[in-house]
Protein backbone atom coordinates (compact mmCIF):
# COMPACT_ATOMS: atom_id res chain seq x y z
CA MET A 1 48.24 -15.84 -11.84
CA LYS A 2 46.10 -15.94 -8.80
CA LYS A 3 48.44 -14.29 -7.01
CA LEU A 4 48.46 -11.24 -9.70
CA ILE A 5 44.08 -12.06 -9.69
CA PHE A 6 43.99 -12.21 -5.23
CA PHE A 7 46.03 -8.79 -5.45
CA LEU A 8 43.65 -7.37 -8.28
CA LEU A 9 40.52 -7.74 -6.06
CA PHE A 10 42.41 -6.74 -3.13
CA ALA A 11 43.45 -3.35 -5.24
CA CYS A 12 39.91 -2.88 -6.59
CA VAL A 13 37.90 -3.83 -3.76
CA SER A 14 40.63 -0.91 -1.36
CA TRP A 15 39.88 1.70 -4.02
CA ARG A 16 36.03 1.39 -3.81
CA LEU A 17 35.72 1.45 -0.31
CA THR A 18 38.46 4.56 0.13
CA ALA A 19 36.19 6.40 -2.86
CA GLN A 20 33.27 5.88 -0.81
CA GLU A 21 34.18 7.59 2.09
CA LYS A 22 33.09 11.55 2.77
CA SER A 23 35.43 14.12 3.89
CA LEU A 24 34.50 16.38 6.82
CA GLN A 25 33.25 18.68 4.86
CA GLU A 26 31.25 16.22 3.34
CA LEU A 27 29.61 14.26 5.97
CA VAL A 28 28.91 17.94 8.07
CA ALA A 29 27.59 20.19 5.83
CA LYS A 30 24.11 21.87 5.87
CA GLY A 31 21.56 20.03 6.35
CA ASN A 32 22.90 16.82 6.95
CA LYS A 33 21.21 13.73 9.43
CA ALA A 34 23.46 14.02 12.42
CA TYR A 35 22.99 11.21 15.41
CA VAL A 36 23.71 13.31 18.85
CA GLU A 37 25.85 11.01 21.24
CA PHE A 38 25.85 12.55 25.05
CA VAL A 39 28.31 11.79 27.43
CA ASP A 40 27.89 13.29 31.21
CA VAL A 41 31.64 12.21 32.01
CA LYS A 42 30.71 12.63 36.22
CA HIS A 43 27.00 11.14 35.71
CA ASN A 44 25.64 15.17 37.57
CA ILE A 45 24.27 17.15 34.84
CA PRO A 46 21.72 15.14 32.87
CA GLU A 47 19.59 18.21 31.51
CA ALA A 48 22.52 18.44 29.13
CA LYS A 49 21.08 16.85 26.92
CA ASP A 50 17.74 18.94 26.55
CA ALA A 51 20.39 22.21 26.19
CA ILE A 52 23.04 20.88 23.93
CA ASN A 53 19.56 19.61 21.17
CA LYS A 54 18.12 23.31 21.71
CA ALA A 55 21.60 24.63 20.79
CA LEU A 56 21.97 22.74 18.07
CA LEU A 57 18.27 23.49 16.80
CA GLY A 58 18.18 26.93 17.78
CA PRO A 59 18.45 30.31 15.86
CA GLU A 60 22.64 30.42 16.42
CA TRP A 61 23.06 27.19 14.84
CA ASN A 62 19.86 25.12 13.41
CA TYR A 63 22.17 23.64 11.15
CA TRP A 64 22.06 19.42 10.66
CA GLU A 65 18.20 17.87 11.47
CA LEU A 66 18.97 15.88 14.38
CA VAL A 67 17.74 11.95 14.17
CA ASP A 68 17.48 9.40 16.96
CA SER A 69 18.38 6.27 15.26
CA LYS A 70 22.74 5.94 14.41
CA ASP A 71 20.92 4.29 11.29
CA LYS A 72 19.43 7.04 10.04
CA ALA A 73 22.76 9.59 10.83
CA ASP A 74 25.12 10.66 8.11
CA PHE A 75 27.35 11.42 11.10
CA ILE A 76 27.90 11.40 14.59
CA LEU A 77 28.21 13.90 16.79
CA LYS A 78 29.56 13.13 20.24
CA VAL A 79 29.46 15.86 22.76
CA SER A 80 31.07 15.18 26.93
CA VAL A 81 30.08 17.09 29.18
CA GLU A 82 31.60 17.47 32.58
CA LYS A 83 30.27 19.49 35.30
CA LYS A 84 32.92 21.11 37.70
CA GLY A 85 31.72 22.68 41.55
CA MET A 86 28.65 24.30 42.73
CA ASN A 87 27.11 28.04 41.20
CA ILE A 88 27.75 29.56 44.76
CA MET A 89 25.64 33.02 43.89
CA SER A 90 22.44 31.21 43.29
CA MET A 91 23.14 28.66 45.78
CA THR A 92 22.63 25.99 43.38
CA SER A 93 23.79 22.93 41.66
CA ASP A 94 23.96 23.89 38.33
CA GLY A 95 28.10 24.48 38.17
CA ALA A 96 30.05 26.61 38.71
CA ARG A 97 32.07 25.91 35.30
CA ILE A 98 31.07 22.73 32.77
CA ARG A 99 33.07 21.68 30.23
CA VAL A 100 33.03 20.67 27.15
CA ILE A 101 34.19 18.58 23.57
CA ALA A 102 32.56 18.44 20.98
CA GLN A 103 33.86 14.91 18.36
CA VAL A 104 32.80 14.48 14.39
CA LEU A 105 32.55 10.54 13.86
CA SER A 106 31.74 8.74 11.36
CA VAL A 107 28.52 6.70 11.25
CA ASN A 108 30.79 3.48 11.81
CA GLU A 109 32.21 5.53 14.67
CA LYS A 110 35.60 6.64 13.45
CA SER A 111 36.69 9.87 15.13
CA LEU A 112 36.89 12.09 12.37
CA TRP A 113 37.21 15.23 13.67
CA LYS A 114 37.61 16.84 17.66
CA SER A 115 37.26 19.76 19.65
CA LYS A 116 38.66 21.88 21.59
CA GLN A 117 37.75 22.44 25.23
CA TYR A 118 35.88 24.89 25.81
CA GLN A 119 34.55 25.88 29.90
CA GLY A 120 31.29 27.65 30.41
CA ASN A 121 30.96 29.49 33.15
CA ALA A 122 28.58 30.53 36.08
CA SER A 123 29.27 34.63 36.22
CA MET A 124 26.64 37.27 36.24
CA PHE A 125 27.79 38.52 32.96
CA THR A 126 26.30 34.59 31.55
CA GLY A 127 22.79 34.85 33.95
CA TYR A 128 24.42 32.35 36.38
CA ALA A 129 23.81 29.84 33.70
CA ALA A 130 26.59 27.39 33.05
CA LEU A 131 25.47 25.31 31.37
CA GLU A 132 24.18 27.36 28.65
CA ASP A 133 27.41 29.58 28.09
CA ALA A 134 29.20 26.04 27.32
CA MET A 135 26.89 24.95 24.45
CA ARG A 136 27.20 28.93 22.84
CA LYS A 137 30.37 28.33 23.47
CA MET A 138 30.01 24.89 22.21
CA VAL A 139 28.10 26.23 18.88
CA ARG A 140 29.97 29.10 18.32
CA ARG A 141 33.83 28.28 18.94
CA ALA A 142 33.69 24.45 18.10
CA LEU A 143 31.14 24.54 15.12
CA GLY A 144 31.39 27.72 14.00
CA GLU A 145 34.74 28.56 14.37
CA GLU A 146 37.02 25.00 14.58
CA LEU A 147 34.66 21.91 12.17
CA MET A 148 34.16 25.10 9.42
CA LYS A 149 36.63 25.88 9.19
CA GLN A 150 38.80 23.20 8.41
CA PRO A 151 39.85 21.80 5.34
C-alpha cells in the first residue's frame, strides 16, 4: 500500500512539473521578458553587449522586453560573440570577422534551442562594421528564420 501511494504521489508531482513547462514558442512569444546573457569568448569585444541590446530593441526586431535580472525574465537569451582578426581596411581593431551564436535557455538554465554560427564580416558592403553585420545576421537569420520557425 505504501508503494502504491508513493508511486501515485510521484506520478502526480511529475505530471504537474511537466504540465508547467512552457513550449519554446510560448517562452519566446512577442512581449515576453528576456534576460540577455552576453559571452565574450575571447574577452576582446566588450562593446558587443551594447550592440546586442541595440539590435534586439531596434526597429528590425523589438520583439521582447529586455530585463536586467534572471528573476524577472521568462527566458534567457545567451549570445556568444567571438572576434577574429583585425580590420585592415580601416586599421582598427573592431575585427575583420565576428562570430555569433544565440541560444535560448529556460530560467533554470536548461538549453532549449541553439542557433547556427553566423559570421559578420568587415567589408565594403557592411561599411567595415563586422559587429553590426553579425548583429543583423543574429536578428534576421538566427532569431527570425531559425527560432521563430521552430515547430
